Amino acid sequence: MVTPRQPDAVDAILAQWHQERPDLDVGPMGPLGRIKRCASLLQRRLDETFAGFGLSFWEFDVLATLRRSGAPYCLAPTTLFSTLMVTSGTMTHRMGKLEAQGWITRLPNPADARSSLVQLTAEGLALIDRAVEAHVANQHRILAPIKAADLAALDARLAMLLAALEPSGDSQP
């Protein structure tokens, strides 16, 4: 049985399209519009938490990627930019900013003298550990109104959508 829900902004858009173009099947606009709106609203709530630590989303993302790589929290820049889905030029610019903050350091790569490695500093490690704890708590708060079974079903459906959208075998974080 489907539980009745309050109409949302996407319902209003769909109603307008039904009125103006009844010949179009605008059904896909519902789920896609809601996903886009949820992403935007979620990003705002996540950014608020990151800002509390003086971090932007991308700074959190880079530091968290290094942190979750495990000790010694060190990766090659190419691994970082491919994981974070940014260009090498963007990554170089970002590394400079993070290094100026004292959150990362660049080290010579012992396996390849032509390249370097990026490593969290002690300050960067302490910062990301505090920030990720707040981030996880924020995620719990955001999802708290949703029942566990509904959340599991949503996660399964989103995994199906992601599998349909991602190129085969591309499950990089």
C-alpha atoms as a PDB file:
ATOM      1  CA  MET A   1       0.000   0.000   0.000  1.00  0.00           C
ATOM      2  CA  VAL A   2       1.366   3.398  -0.976  1.00  0.00           C
ATOM      3  CA  THR A   3       1.339   6.023   1.762  1.00  0.00           C
ATOM      4  CA  PRO A   4      -0.123   9.362   0.646  1.00  0.00           C
ATOM      5  CA  ARG A   5       2.429  12.156   0.526  1.00  0.00           C
ATOM      6  CA  GLN A   6       2.422  15.903   0.333  1.00  0.00           C
ATOM      7  CA  PRO A   7       2.834  17.323  -3.193  1.00  0.00           C
ATOM      8  CA  ASP A   8       6.315  18.696  -3.815  1.00  0.00           C
ATOM      9  CA  ALA A   9       7.913  21.163  -6.244  1.00  0.00           C
ATOM     10  CA  VAL A  10       8.396  18.422  -8.829  1.00  0.00           C
ATOM     11  CA  ASP A  11       4.668  17.624  -8.762  1.00  0.00           C
ATOM     12  CA  ALA A  12       3.974  21.255  -9.655  1.00  0.00           C
ATOM     13  CA  ILE A  13       6.386  21.088 -12.604  1.00  0.00           C
ATOM     14  CA  LEU A  14       4.817  17.834 -13.829  1.00  0.00           C
ATOM     15  CA  ALA A  15       1.335  19.355 -13.576  1.00  0.00           C
ATOM     16  CA  GLN A  16       2.458  22.310 -15.682  1.00  0.00           C
ATOM     17  CA  TRP A  17       3.874  20.012 -18.358  1.00  0.00           C
ATOM     18  CA  HIS A  18       0.714  17.891 -18.348  1.00  0.00           C
ATOM     19  CA  GLN A  19      -1.291  21.082 -18.850  1.00  0.00           C
ATOM     20  CA  GLU A  20       0.941  22.529 -21.569  1.00  0.00           C
ATOM     21  CA  ARG A  21       2.047  19.352 -23.356  1.00  0.00           C
ATOM     22  CA  PRO A  22      -0.384  16.520 -22.583  1.00  0.00           C
ATOM     23  CA  ASP A  23       1.074  14.686 -25.587  1.00  0.00           C
ATOM     24  CA  LEU A  24       4.451  14.170 -23.843  1.00  0.00           C
ATOM     25  CA  ASP A  25       5.160  11.349 -21.412  1.00  0.00           C
ATOM     26  CA  VAL A  26       6.978  13.381 -18.772  1.00  0.00           C
ATOM     27  CA  GLY A  27       7.034  10.506 -16.273  1.00  0.00           C
ATOM     28  CA  PRO A  28      10.869  10.378 -16.150  1.00  0.00           C
ATOM     29  CA  MET A  29      10.924  14.009 -15.025  1.00  0.00           C
ATOM     30  CA  GLY A  30       9.489  12.912 -11.662  1.00  0.00           C
ATOM     31  CA  PRO A  31      12.261  10.680 -10.378  1.00  0.00           C
ATOM     32  CA  LEU A  32      15.050  12.591 -12.134  1.00  0.00           C
ATOM     33  CA  GLY A  33      13.778  15.947 -10.919  1.00  0.00           C
ATOM     34  CA  ARG A  34      13.527  14.637  -7.371  1.00  0.00           C
ATOM     35  CA  ILE A  35      17.028  13.160  -7.504  1.00  0.00           C
ATOM     36  CA  LYS A  36      18.432  16.493  -8.732  1.00  0.00           C
ATOM     37  CA  ARG A  37      16.514  18.465  -6.106  1.00  0.00           C
ATOM     38  CA  CYS A  38      17.574  16.048  -3.347  1.00  0.00           C
ATOM     39  CA  ALA A  39      21.211  16.312  -4.483  1.00  0.00           C
ATOM     40  CA  SER A  40      21.081  20.093  -4.326  1.00  0.00           C
ATOM     41  CA  LEU A  41      19.420  20.178  -0.911  1.00  0.00           C
ATOM     42  CA  LEU A  42      21.773  17.517   0.445  1.00  0.00           C
ATOM     43  CA  GLN A  43      24.833  19.377  -0.797  1.00  0.00           C
ATOM     44  CA  ARG A  44      23.745  22.477   1.129  1.00  0.00           C
ATOM     45  CA  ARG A  45      23.416  20.490   4.348  1.00  0.00           C
ATOM     46  CA  LEU A  46      26.748  18.758   3.826  1.00  0.00           C
ATOM     47  CA  ASP A  47      28.499  22.041   3.012  1.00  0.00           C
ATOM     48  CA  GLU A  48      27.246  23.548   6.284  1.00  0.00           C
ATOM     49  CA  THR A  49      29.070  20.843   8.222  1.00  0.00           C
ATOM     50  CA  PHE A  50      32.265  21.194   6.171  1.00  0.00           C
ATOM     51  CA  ALA A  51      32.209  24.971   6.642  1.00  0.00           C
ATOM     52  CA  GLY A  52      32.243  24.425  10.400  1.00  0.00           C
ATOM     53  CA  PHE A  53      35.761  23.056   9.923  1.00  0.00           C
ATOM     54  CA  GLY A  54      36.871  25.717   7.455  1.00  0.00           C
ATOM     55  CA  LEU A  55      36.570  23.218   4.604  1.00  0.00           C
ATOM     56  CA  SER A  56      34.891  23.315   1.242  1.00  0.00           C
ATOM     57  CA  PHE A  57      33.392  20.161  -0.245  1.00  0.00           C
ATOM     58  CA  TRP A  58      36.388  19.524  -2.493  1.00  0.00           C
ATOM     59  CA  GLU A  59      38.848  20.031   0.379  1.00  0.00           C
ATOM     60  CA  PHE A  60      36.917  17.563   2.518  1.00  0.00           C
ATOM     61  CA  ASP A  61      36.822  15.143  -0.425  1.00  0.00           C
ATOM     62  CA  VAL A  62      40.601  15.224  -0.990  1.00  0.00           C
ATOM     63  CA  LEU A  63      41.459  14.931   2.703  1.00  0.00           C
ATOM     64  CA  ALA A  64      38.892  12.144   3.211  1.00  0.00           C
ATOM     65  CA  THR A  65      40.254  10.236   0.203  1.00  0.00           C
ATOM     66  CA  LEU A  66      43.748  10.373   1.668  1.00  0.00           C
ATOM     67  CA  ARG A  67      42.449   9.398   5.129  1.00  0.00           C
ATOM     68  CA  ARG A  68      40.470   6.403   3.952  1.00  0.00           C
ATOM     69  CA  SER A  69      43.474   5.137   1.964  1.00  0.00           C
ATOM     70  CA  GLY A  70      44.954   4.048   5.299  1.00  0.00           C
ATOM     71  CA  ALA A  71      48.291   4.767   6.926  1.00  0.00           C
ATOM     72  CA  PRO A  72      50.534   6.409   5.858  1.00  0.00           C
ATOM     73  CA  TYR A  73      47.645   8.408   4.233  1.00  0.00           C
ATOM     74  CA  CYS A  74      49.637   8.907   1.068  1.00  0.00           C
ATOM     75  CA  LEU A  75      48.623   8.607  -2.604  1.00  0.00           C
ATOM     76  CA  ALA A  76      49.988   9.514  -5.997  1.00  0.00           C
ATOM     77  CA  PRO A  77      48.349  12.618  -7.483  1.00  0.00           C
ATOM     78  CA  THR A  78      47.122  10.537 -10.442  1.00  0.00           C
ATOM     79  CA  THR A  79      45.323   8.186  -8.059  1.00  0.00           C
ATOM     80  CA  LEU A  80      43.769  11.169  -6.325  1.00  0.00           C
ATOM     81  CA  PHE A  81      42.542  12.939  -9.439  1.00  0.00           C
ATOM     82  CA  SER A  82      41.147   9.762 -10.986  1.00  0.00           C
ATOM     83  CA  THR A  83      39.366   8.860  -7.735  1.00  0.00           C
ATOM     84  CA  LEU A  84      37.995  12.384  -7.363  1.00  0.00           C
ATOM     85  CA  MET A  85      37.108  12.666 -11.070  1.00  0.00           C
ATOM     86  CA  VAL A  86      38.935  15.946 -11.706  1.00  0.00           C
ATOM     87  CA  THR A  87      41.611  16.892 -14.210  1.00  0.00           C
ATOM     88  CA  SER A  88      45.313  16.831 -13.373  1.00  0.00           C
ATOM     89  CA  GLY A  89      45.423  20.640 -13.682  1.00  0.00           C
ATOM     90  CA  THR A  90      42.579  21.005 -11.208  1.00  0.00           C
ATOM     91  CA  MET A  91      44.292  18.577  -8.842  1.00  0.00           C
ATOM     92  CA  THR A  92      47.599  20.481  -9.059  1.00  0.00           C
ATOM     93  CA  HIS A  93      45.819  23.725  -8.171  1.00  0.00           C
ATOM     94  CA  ARG A  94      43.991  22.057  -5.283  1.00  0.00           C
ATOM     95  CA  MET A  95      47.158  20.453  -3.933  1.00  0.00           C
ATOM     96  CA  GLY A  96      48.772  23.887  -3.773  1.00  0.00           C
ATOM     97  CA  LYS A  97      45.879  25.244  -1.711  1.00  0.00           C
ATOM     98  CA  LEU A  98      45.849  22.270   0.661  1.00  0.00           C
ATOM     99  CA  GLU A  99      49.612  22.432   1.068  1.00  0.00           C
ATOM    100  CA  ALA A 100      49.441  26.170   1.852  1.00  0.00           C
ATOM    101  CA  GLN A 101      46.913  25.351   4.602  1.00  0.00           C
ATOM    102  CA  GLY A 102      49.364  22.823   6.066  1.00  0.00           C
ATOM    103  CA  TRP A 103      46.963  19.914   5.574  1.00  0.00           C
ATOM    104  CA  ILE A 104      49.034  17.942   3.059  1.00  0.00           C
ATOM    105  CA  THR A 105      52.628  17.689   2.002  1.00  0.00           C
ATOM    106  CA  ARG A 106      54.135  16.558  -1.273  1.00  0.00           C
ATOM    107  CA  LEU A 107      56.927  14.004  -1.053  1.00  0.00           C
ATOM    108  CA  PRO A 108      59.280  12.516  -3.639  1.00  0.00           C
ATOM    109  CA  ASN A 109      58.003   9.200  -4.975  1.00  0.00           C
ATOM    110  CA  PRO A 110      60.623   6.550  -4.135  1.00  0.00           C
ATOM    111  CA  ALA A 111      59.283   4.342  -6.947  1.00  0.00           C
ATOM    112  CA  ASP A 112      59.489   7.088  -9.609  1.00  0.00           C
ATOM    113  CA  ALA A 113      61.864  10.043  -9.307  1.00  0.00           C
ATOM    114  CA  ARG A 114      59.790  11.991 -11.860  1.00  0.00           C
ATOM    115  CA  SER A 115      56.687  12.064  -9.678  1.00  0.00           C
ATOM    116  CA  SER A 116      55.603  12.901  -6.170  1.00  0.00           C
ATOM    117  CA  LEU A 117      53.220  11.589  -3.548  1.00  0.00           C
ATOM    118  CA  VAL A 118      50.614  13.492  -1.564  1.00  0.00           C
ATOM    119  CA  GLN A 119      50.388  12.786   2.162  1.00  0.00           C
ATOM    120  CA  LEU A 120      48.245  14.098   4.996  1.00  0.00           C
ATOM    121  CA  THR A 121      50.158  16.082   7.580  1.00  0.00           C
ATOM    122  CA  ALA A 122      49.492  15.513  11.273  1.00  0.00           C
ATOM    123  CA  GLU A 123      47.356  18.687  11.183  1.00  0.00           C
ATOM    124  CA  GLY A 124      45.451  17.434   8.122  1.00  0.00           C
ATOM    125  CA  LEU A 125      44.875  14.044   9.742  1.00  0.00           C
ATOM    126  CA  ALA A 126      43.533  15.604  12.943  1.00  0.00           C
ATOM    127  CA  LEU A 127      41.278  17.935  10.933  1.00  0.00           C
ATOM    128  CA  ILE A 128      39.801  15.242   8.691  1.00  0.00           C
ATOM    129  CA  ASP A 129      39.240  12.905  11.635  1.00  0.00           C
ATOM    130  CA  ARG A 130      37.158  15.598  13.384  1.00  0.00           C
ATOM    131  CA  ALA A 131      35.394  16.610  10.165  1.00  0.00           C
ATOM    132  CA  VAL A 132      34.473  13.071   9.128  1.00  0.00           C
ATOM    133  CA  GLU A 133      32.990  12.363  12.571  1.00  0.00           C
ATOM    134  CA  ALA A 134      30.780  15.451  12.211  1.00  0.00           C
ATOM    135  CA  HIS A 135      29.978  14.488   8.605  1.00  0.00           C
ATOM    136  CA  VAL A 136      28.796  11.007   9.597  1.00  0.00           C
ATOM    137  CA  ALA A 137      26.708  12.442  12.444  1.00  0.00           C
ATOM    138  CA  ASN A 138      25.196  14.924   9.973  1.00  0.00           C
ATOM    139  CA  GLN A 139      24.360  12.108   7.551  1.00  0.00           C
ATOM    140  CA  HIS A 140      22.601  10.244  10.361  1.00  0.00           C
ATOM    141  CA  ARG A 141      20.581  13.379  11.210  1.00  0.00           C
ATOM    142  CA  ILE A 142      19.632  13.916   7.570  1.00  0.00           C
ATOM    143  CA  LEU A 143      18.370  10.357   7.143  1.00  0.00           C
ATOM    144  CA  ALA A 144      16.827   9.959  10.619  1.00  0.00           C
ATOM    145  CA  PRO A 145      13.248  10.727   9.462  1.00  0.00           C
ATOM    146  CA  ILE A 146      13.322   7.754   7.060  1.00  0.00           C
ATOM    147  CA  LYS A 147      12.464   4.290   8.400  1.00  0.00           C
ATOM    148  CA  ALA A 148      15.287   1.753   8.201  1.00  0.00           C
ATOM    149  CA  ALA A 149      13.380  -0.526   5.792  1.00  0.00           C
ATOM    150  CA  ASP A 150      12.523   2.410   3.522  1.00  0.00           C
ATOM    151  CA  LEU A 151      16.125   3.588   3.585  1.00  0.00           C
ATOM    152  CA  ALA A 152      17.361   0.105   2.649  1.00  0.00           C
ATOM    153  CA  ALA A 153      14.868  -0.037  -0.232  1.00  0.00           C
ATOM    154  CA  LEU A 154      15.908   3.440  -1.405  1.00  0.00           C
ATOM    155  CA  ASP A 155      19.569   2.448  -1.260  1.00  0.00           C
ATOM    156  CA  ALA A 156      18.877  -0.680  -3.330  1.00  0.00           C
ATOM    157  CA  ARG A 157      16.975   1.326  -5.973  1.00  0.00           C
ATOM    158  CA  LEU A 158      19.681   3.977  -6.133  1.00  0.00           C
ATOM    159  CA  ALA A 159      22.290   1.221  -6.565  1.00  0.00           C
ATOM    160  CA  MET A 160      20.264  -0.059  -9.536  1.00  0.00           C
ATOM    161  CA  LEU A 161      20.167   3.429 -11.053  1.00  0.00           C
ATOM    162  CA  LEU A 162      23.880   3.911 -10.483  1.00  0.00           C
ATOM    163  CA  ALA A 163      24.632   0.573 -12.152  1.00  0.00           C
ATOM    164  CA  ALA A 164      22.568   1.646 -15.158  1.00  0.00           C
ATOM    165  CA  LEU A 165      24.367   5.007 -15.402  1.00  0.00           C
ATOM    166  CA  GLU A 166      27.977   4.044 -14.723  1.00  0.00           C
ATOM    167  CA  PRO A 167      30.106   2.604 -17.485  1.00  0.00           C
ATOM    168  CA  SER A 168      30.636  -1.135 -16.996  1.00  0.00           C
ATOM    169  CA  GLY A 169      33.202  -1.938 -14.372  1.00  0.00           C
ATOM    170  CA  ASP A 170      33.591   1.724 -13.292  1.00  0.00           C
ATOM    171  CA  SER A 171      32.869   1.546  -9.571  1.00  0.00           C
ATOM    172  CA  GLN A 172      35.526   4.043  -8.438  1.00  0.00           C
ATOM    173  CA  PRO A 173      34.457   5.955  -5.317  1.00  0.00           C
END
